[in-house]
PDB file of all heavy atoms in Angstrom:
ATOM      1  N   ASP A   1       0.871  -1.192  -0.026  1.00  0.00           N
ATOM      2  CA  ASP A   1       0.020  -0.028  -0.038  1.00  0.00           C
ATOM      3  C   ASP A   1       0.911   1.240  -0.037  1.00  0.00           C
ATOM      4  O   ASP A   1       0.400   2.316  -0.470  1.00  0.00           O
ATOM      5  CB  ASP A   1      -0.990  -0.043   1.192  1.00  0.00           C
ATOM      6  CG  ASP A   1      -1.828  -1.134   1.226  1.00  0.00           C
ATOM      7  OD1 ASP A   1      -2.585  -1.367   0.230  1.00  0.00           O
ATOM      8  OD2 ASP A   1      -1.879  -1.925   2.204  1.00  0.00           O
ATOM      9  N   GLN A   2       2.006   1.158   0.591  1.00  0.00           N
ATOM     10  CA  GLN A   2       3.049   2.232   0.631  1.00  0.00           C
ATOM     11  C   GLN A   2       4.418   1.810   0.605  1.00  0.00           C
ATOM     12  O   GLN A   2       4.721   0.638   1.005  1.00  0.00           O
ATOM     13  CB  GLN A   2       2.780   3.276   1.778  1.00  0.00           C
ATOM     14  CG  GLN A   2       2.873   2.562   3.202  1.00  0.00           C
ATOM     15  CD  GLN A   2       1.526   2.052   3.726  1.00  0.00           C
ATOM     16  OE1 GLN A   2       0.575   2.530   3.344  1.00  0.00           O
ATOM     17  NE2 GLN A   2       1.668   0.899   4.386  1.00  0.00           N
ATOM     18  N   ILE A   3       5.268   2.708   0.003  1.00  0.00           N
ATOM     19  CA  ILE A   3       6.724   2.500  -0.024  1.00  0.00           C
ATOM     20  C   ILE A   3       7.410   3.511   0.683  1.00  0.00           C
ATOM     21  O   ILE A   3       7.053   4.683   0.697  1.00  0.00           O
ATOM     22  CB  ILE A   3       7.091   2.410  -1.401  1.00  0.00           C
ATOM     23  CG1 ILE A   3       6.605   1.245  -2.231  1.00  0.00           C
ATOM     24  CG2 ILE A   3       8.604   2.316  -1.594  1.00  0.00           C
ATOM     25  CD1 ILE A   3       6.943   1.205  -3.654  1.00  0.00           C
ATOM     26  N   TYR A   4       8.516   3.048   1.454  1.00  0.00           N
ATOM     27  CA  TYR A   4       9.418   4.069   2.197  1.00  0.00           C
ATOM     28  C   TYR A   4      10.786   3.713   1.572  1.00  0.00           C
ATOM     29  O   TYR A   4      11.127   2.562   1.553  1.00  0.00           O
ATOM     30  CB  TYR A   4       9.418   3.839   3.741  1.00  0.00           C
ATOM     31  CG  TYR A   4       8.046   3.865   4.317  1.00  0.00           C
ATOM     32  CD1 TYR A   4       7.327   2.710   4.387  1.00  0.00           C
ATOM     33  CD2 TYR A   4       7.520   4.993   4.865  1.00  0.00           C
ATOM     34  CE1 TYR A   4       6.031   2.649   5.016  1.00  0.00           C
ATOM     35  CE2 TYR A   4       6.276   5.067   5.468  1.00  0.00           C
ATOM     36  CZ  TYR A   4       5.547   3.890   5.612  1.00  0.00           C
ATOM     37  OH  TYR A   4       4.327   3.903   6.244  1.00  0.00           O
ATOM     38  N   ALA A   5      11.550   4.757   1.298  1.00  0.00           N
ATOM     39  CA  ALA A   5      12.845   4.443   0.590  1.00  0.00           C
ATOM     40  C   ALA A   5      13.898   5.550   0.992  1.00  0.00           C
ATOM     41  O   ALA A   5      13.507   6.668   1.195  1.00  0.00           O
ATOM     42  CB  ALA A   5      12.587   4.407  -0.905  1.00  0.00           C
ATOM     43  N   CYS A   6      15.167   5.123   1.026  1.00  0.00           N
ATOM     44  CA  CYS A   6      16.219   6.023   1.210  1.00  0.00           C
ATOM     45  C   CYS A   6      17.432   5.350   0.490  1.00  0.00           C
ATOM     46  O   CYS A   6      17.667   4.126   0.606  1.00  0.00           O
ATOM     47  CB  CYS A   6      16.640   6.092   2.650  1.00  0.00           C
ATOM     48  SG  CYS A   6      18.057   7.199   2.945  1.00  0.00           S
ATOM     49  N   GLY A   7      18.158   6.208  -0.232  1.00  0.00           N
ATOM     50  CA  GLY A   7      19.322   5.734  -1.121  1.00  0.00           C
ATOM     51  C   GLY A   7      19.740   6.662  -2.059  1.00  0.00           C
ATOM     52  O   GLY A   7      19.378   7.857  -2.020  1.00  0.00           O
ATOM     53  N   PRO A   8      20.636   6.234  -2.919  1.00  0.00           N
ATOM     54  CA  PRO A   8      21.158   7.263  -3.944  1.00  0.00           C
ATOM     55  C   PRO A   8      20.092   7.611  -4.934  1.00  0.00           C
ATOM     56  O   PRO A   8      18.980   7.046  -5.077  1.00  0.00           O
ATOM     57  CB  PRO A   8      22.207   6.464  -4.602  1.00  0.00           C
ATOM     58  CG  PRO A   8      21.816   5.016  -4.434  1.00  0.00           C
ATOM     59  CD  PRO A   8      21.236   4.944  -3.090  1.00  0.00           C
ATOM     60  N   LEU A   9      20.318   8.824  -5.506  1.00  0.00           N
ATOM     61  CA  LEU A   9      19.290   9.413  -6.468  1.00  0.00           C
ATOM     62  C   LEU A   9      18.792   8.489  -7.673  1.00  0.00           C
ATOM     63  O   LEU A   9      17.574   8.479  -7.791  1.00  0.00           O
ATOM     64  CB  LEU A   9      19.898  10.797  -7.100  1.00  0.00           C
ATOM     65  CG  LEU A   9      18.974  11.603  -7.801  1.00  0.00           C
ATOM     66  CD1 LEU A   9      17.799  12.131  -6.734  1.00  0.00           C
ATOM     67  CD2 LEU A   9      19.678  12.849  -8.235  1.00  0.00           C
ATOM     68  N   PRO A  10      19.684   7.731  -8.200  1.00  0.00           N
ATOM     69  CA  PRO A  10      19.088   6.907  -9.304  1.00  0.00           C
ATOM     70  C   PRO A  10      18.198   5.864  -8.793  1.00  0.00           C
ATOM     71  O   PRO A  10      17.081   5.563  -9.440  1.00  0.00           O
ATOM     72  CB  PRO A  10      20.374   6.251  -9.879  1.00  0.00           C
ATOM     73  CG  PRO A  10      21.547   7.155  -9.566  1.00  0.00           C
ATOM     74  CD  PRO A  10      21.107   7.777  -8.333  1.00  0.00           C
ATOM     75  N   MET A  11      18.469   5.358  -7.595  1.00  0.00           N
ATOM     76  CA  MET A  11      17.528   4.504  -6.969  1.00  0.00           C
ATOM     77  C   MET A  11      16.173   5.087  -6.604  1.00  0.00           C
ATOM     78  O   MET A  11      15.060   4.642  -6.855  1.00  0.00           O
ATOM     79  CB  MET A  11      18.045   3.753  -5.796  1.00  0.00           C
ATOM     80  CG  MET A  11      17.318   2.662  -5.061  1.00  0.00           C
ATOM     81  SD  MET A  11      17.656   2.421  -3.364  1.00  0.00           S
ATOM     82  CE  MET A  11      16.486   3.575  -2.540  1.00  0.00           C
ATOM     83  N   LEU A  12      16.222   6.328  -6.123  1.00  0.00           N
ATOM     84  CA  LEU A  12      14.962   6.998  -5.718  1.00  0.00           C
ATOM     85  C   LEU A  12      14.178   7.420  -6.952  1.00  0.00           C
ATOM     86  O   LEU A  12      12.956   7.383  -6.910  1.00  0.00           O
ATOM     87  CB  LEU A  12      15.269   8.282  -5.006  1.00  0.00           C
ATOM     88  CG  LEU A  12      16.031   8.104  -3.616  1.00  0.00           C
ATOM     89  CD1 LEU A  12      16.190   9.483  -2.920  1.00  0.00           C
ATOM     90  CD2 LEU A  12      15.262   7.259  -2.705  1.00  0.00           C
ATOM     91  N   ARG A  13      14.856   7.713  -8.096  1.00  0.00           N
ATOM     92  CA  ARG A  13      14.097   7.877  -9.365  1.00  0.00           C
ATOM     93  C   ARG A  13      13.268   6.638  -9.895  1.00  0.00           C
ATOM     94  O   ARG A  13      12.069   6.738 -10.085  1.00  0.00           O
ATOM     95  CB  ARG A  13      14.994   8.301 -10.385  1.00  0.00           C
ATOM     96  CG  ARG A  13      15.593   9.730 -10.376  1.00  0.00           C
ATOM     97  CD  ARG A  13      16.239  10.064 -11.703  1.00  0.00           C
ATOM     98  NE  ARG A  13      16.989  11.411 -11.606  1.00  0.00           N
ATOM     99  CZ  ARG A  13      18.275  11.457 -11.500  1.00  0.00           C
ATOM    100  NH1 ARG A  13      19.042  10.394 -11.534  1.00  0.00           N
ATOM    101  NH2 ARG A  13      18.873  12.639 -11.305  1.00  0.00           N
ATOM    102  N   GLY A  14      13.979   5.478  -9.676  1.00  0.00           N
ATOM    103  CA  GLY A  14      13.351   4.296  -9.948  1.00  0.00           C
ATOM    104  C   GLY A  14      12.204   3.909  -9.064  1.00  0.00           C
ATOM    105  O   GLY A  14      11.208   3.493  -9.425  1.00  0.00           O
ATOM    106  N   VAL A  15      12.368   4.300  -7.638  1.00  0.00           N
ATOM    107  CA  VAL A  15      11.248   4.099  -6.728  1.00  0.00           C
ATOM    108  C   VAL A  15       9.961   4.918  -7.055  1.00  0.00           C
ATOM    109  O   VAL A  15       8.945   4.602  -7.089  1.00  0.00           O
ATOM    110  CB  VAL A  15      11.739   4.238  -5.309  1.00  0.00           C
ATOM    111  CG1 VAL A  15      10.610   4.257  -4.346  1.00  0.00           C
ATOM    112  CG2 VAL A  15      12.769   3.156  -4.917  1.00  0.00           C
ATOM    113  N   LYS A  16      10.343   6.191  -7.365  1.00  0.00           N
ATOM    114  CA  LYS A  16       9.257   7.167  -7.673  1.00  0.00           C
ATOM    115  C   LYS A  16       8.517   6.715  -8.884  1.00  0.00           C
ATOM    116  O   LYS A  16       7.196   6.698  -8.835  1.00  0.00           O
ATOM    117  CB  LYS A  16       9.893   8.510  -7.951  1.00  0.00           C
ATOM    118  CG  LYS A  16       8.801   9.677  -8.319  1.00  0.00           C
ATOM    119  CD  LYS A  16       9.426  10.921  -8.545  1.00  0.00           C
ATOM    120  CE  LYS A  16       8.336  11.981  -9.015  1.00  0.00           C
ATOM    121  NZ  LYS A  16       8.851  13.249  -9.299  1.00  0.00           N
ATOM    122  N   ASP A  17       9.117   6.238  -9.955  1.00  0.00           N
ATOM    123  CA  ASP A  17       8.488   5.887 -11.140  1.00  0.00           C
ATOM    124  C   ASP A  17       7.746   4.517 -10.911  1.00  0.00           C
ATOM    125  O   ASP A  17       6.621   4.448 -11.437  1.00  0.00           O
ATOM    126  CB  ASP A  17       9.584   5.642 -12.252  1.00  0.00           C
ATOM    127  CG  ASP A  17      10.222   6.952 -12.777  1.00  0.00           C
ATOM    128  OD1 ASP A  17       9.704   7.943 -12.479  1.00  0.00           O
ATOM    129  OD2 ASP A  17      11.365   6.802 -13.445  1.00  0.00           O
ATOM    130  N   TYR A  18       8.245   3.682 -10.259  1.00  0.00           N
ATOM    131  CA  TYR A  18       7.553   2.338  -9.909  1.00  0.00           C
ATOM    132  C   TYR A  18       6.292   2.613  -9.083  1.00  0.00           C
ATOM    133  O   TYR A  18       5.339   2.055  -9.427  1.00  0.00           O
ATOM    134  CB  TYR A  18       8.476   1.384  -9.244  1.00  0.00           C
ATOM    135  CG  TYR A  18       7.869   0.153  -8.764  1.00  0.00           C
ATOM    136  CD1 TYR A  18       7.748  -0.981  -9.752  1.00  0.00           C
ATOM    137  CD2 TYR A  18       7.327  -0.010  -7.578  1.00  0.00           C
ATOM    138  CE1 TYR A  18       7.234  -2.126  -9.382  1.00  0.00           C
ATOM    139  CE2 TYR A  18       6.734  -1.240  -7.199  1.00  0.00           C
ATOM    140  CZ  TYR A  18       6.594  -2.171  -8.107  1.00  0.00           C
ATOM    141  OH  TYR A  18       6.065  -3.476  -7.796  1.00  0.00           O
ATOM    142  N   ALA A  19       6.474   3.430  -8.130  1.00  0.00           N
ATOM    143  CA  ALA A  19       5.265   3.783  -7.197  1.00  0.00           C
ATOM    144  C   ALA A  19       4.137   4.418  -8.165  1.00  0.00           C
ATOM    145  O   ALA A  19       2.986   4.175  -7.921  1.00  0.00           O
ATOM    146  CB  ALA A  19       5.666   4.618  -6.120  1.00  0.00           C
ATOM    147  N   ALA A  20       4.498   5.368  -8.940  1.00  0.00           N
ATOM    148  CA  ALA A  20       3.537   6.156  -9.790  1.00  0.00           C
ATOM    149  C   ALA A  20       2.809   5.152 -10.741  1.00  0.00           C
ATOM    150  O   ALA A  20       1.677   5.205 -10.902  1.00  0.00           O
ATOM    151  CB  ALA A  20       4.227   7.175 -10.545  1.00  0.00           C
ATOM    152  N   LYS A  21       3.548   4.302 -11.394  1.00  0.00           N
ATOM    153  CA  LYS A  21       3.111   3.304 -12.324  1.00  0.00           C
ATOM    154  C   LYS A  21       2.085   2.394 -11.769  1.00  0.00           C
ATOM    155  O   LYS A  21       1.087   1.803 -12.330  1.00  0.00           O
ATOM    156  CB  LYS A  21       4.087   2.722 -13.118  1.00  0.00           C
ATOM    157  CG  LYS A  21       4.883   3.543 -14.068  1.00  0.00           C
ATOM    158  CD  LYS A  21       6.039   2.776 -14.730  1.00  0.00           C
ATOM    159  CE  LYS A  21       6.770   3.731 -15.644  1.00  0.00           C
ATOM    160  NZ  LYS A  21       7.967   2.998 -16.134  1.00  0.00           N
ATOM    161  N   ASN A  22       2.409   1.999 -10.501  1.00  0.00           N
ATOM    162  CA  ASN A  22       1.582   1.038  -9.784  1.00  0.00           C
ATOM    163  C   ASN A  22       0.488   1.547  -8.720  1.00  0.00           C
ATOM    164  O   ASN A  22      -0.159   0.776  -7.994  1.00  0.00           O
ATOM    165  CB  ASN A  22       2.493   0.073  -9.079  1.00  0.00           C
ATOM    166  CG  ASN A  22       3.251  -0.858  -9.996  1.00  0.00           C
ATOM    167  OD1 ASN A  22       2.675  -1.914 -10.538  1.00  0.00           O
ATOM    168  ND2 ASN A  22       4.425  -0.446 -10.415  1.00  0.00           N
ATOM    169  N   GLY A  23       0.440   2.840  -8.725  1.00  0.00           N
ATOM    170  CA  GLY A  23      -0.532   3.524  -7.821  1.00  0.00           C
ATOM    171  C   GLY A  23      -0.288   3.290  -6.405  1.00  0.00           C
ATOM    172  O   GLY A  23      -1.176   3.252  -5.554  1.00  0.00           O
ATOM    173  N   ILE A  24       0.946   3.336  -6.054  1.00  0.00           N
ATOM    174  CA  ILE A  24       1.367   3.205  -4.651  1.00  0.00           C
ATOM    175  C   ILE A  24       1.987   4.459  -4.068  1.00  0.00           C
ATOM    176  O   ILE A  24       2.779   5.094  -4.716  1.00  0.00           O
ATOM    177  CB  ILE A  24       2.486   2.004  -4.564  1.00  0.00           C
ATOM    178  CG1 ILE A  24       2.011   0.694  -5.178  1.00  0.00           C
ATOM    179  CG2 ILE A  24       2.901   1.845  -3.067  1.00  0.00           C
ATOM    180  CD1 ILE A  24       3.071  -0.269  -5.253  1.00  0.00           C
ATOM    181  N   SER A  25       1.529   4.915  -2.829  1.00  0.00           N
ATOM    182  CA  SER A  25       2.087   6.056  -2.256  1.00  0.00           C
ATOM    183  C   SER A  25       3.530   5.799  -1.876  1.00  0.00           C
ATOM    184  O   SER A  25       3.958   4.568  -1.429  1.00  0.00           O
ATOM    185  CB  SER A  25       1.205   6.520  -1.041  1.00  0.00           C
ATOM    186  OG  SER A  25       1.297   5.491  -0.045  1.00  0.00           O
ATOM    187  N   ALA A  26       4.340   6.733  -1.924  1.00  0.00           N
ATOM    188  CA  ALA A  26       5.826   6.622  -1.594  1.00  0.00           C
ATOM    189  C   ALA A  26       6.386   7.731  -0.886  1.00  0.00           C
ATOM    190  O   ALA A  26       6.116   8.896  -1.378  1.00  0.00           O
ATOM    191  CB  ALA A  26       6.587   6.278  -2.882  1.00  0.00           C
ATOM    192  N   GLN A  27       7.105   7.512   0.081  1.00  0.00           N
ATOM    193  CA  GLN A  27       7.920   8.510   0.773  1.00  0.00           C
ATOM    194  C   GLN A  27       9.468   8.202   0.526  1.00  0.00           C
ATOM    195  O   GLN A  27       9.790   7.065   0.699  1.00  0.00           O
ATOM    196  CB  GLN A  27       7.545   8.445   2.270  1.00  0.00           C
ATOM    197  CG  GLN A  27       6.116   8.795   2.639  1.00  0.00           C
ATOM    198  CD  GLN A  27       5.913   8.694   4.155  1.00  0.00           C
ATOM    199  OE1 GLN A  27       6.643   9.057   4.962  1.00  0.00           O
ATOM    200  NE2 GLN A  27       4.832   8.097   4.426  1.00  0.00           N
ATOM    201  N   ILE A  28      10.089   9.215   0.233  1.00  0.00           N
ATOM    202  CA  ILE A  28      11.656   9.106  -0.105  1.00  0.00           C
ATOM    203  C   ILE A  28      12.459   9.863   0.938  1.00  0.00           C
ATOM    204  O   ILE A  28      12.032  11.005   1.103  1.00  0.00           O
ATOM    205  CB  ILE A  28      11.810   9.332  -1.587  1.00  0.00           C
ATOM    206  CG1 ILE A  28      11.496  10.716  -2.003  1.00  0.00           C
ATOM    207  CG2 ILE A  28      11.210   8.161  -2.450  1.00  0.00           C
ATOM    208  CD1 ILE A  28      11.954  10.928  -3.391  1.00  0.00           C
TER     209      ILE A  28
END
């Protein structure tokens, strides 16, 4: 239902895109 993430910028970009495509809220 939600994602929490911390890491390097390329990883965070991937998390943001994945969350948006799958309709998941994400905090980075």
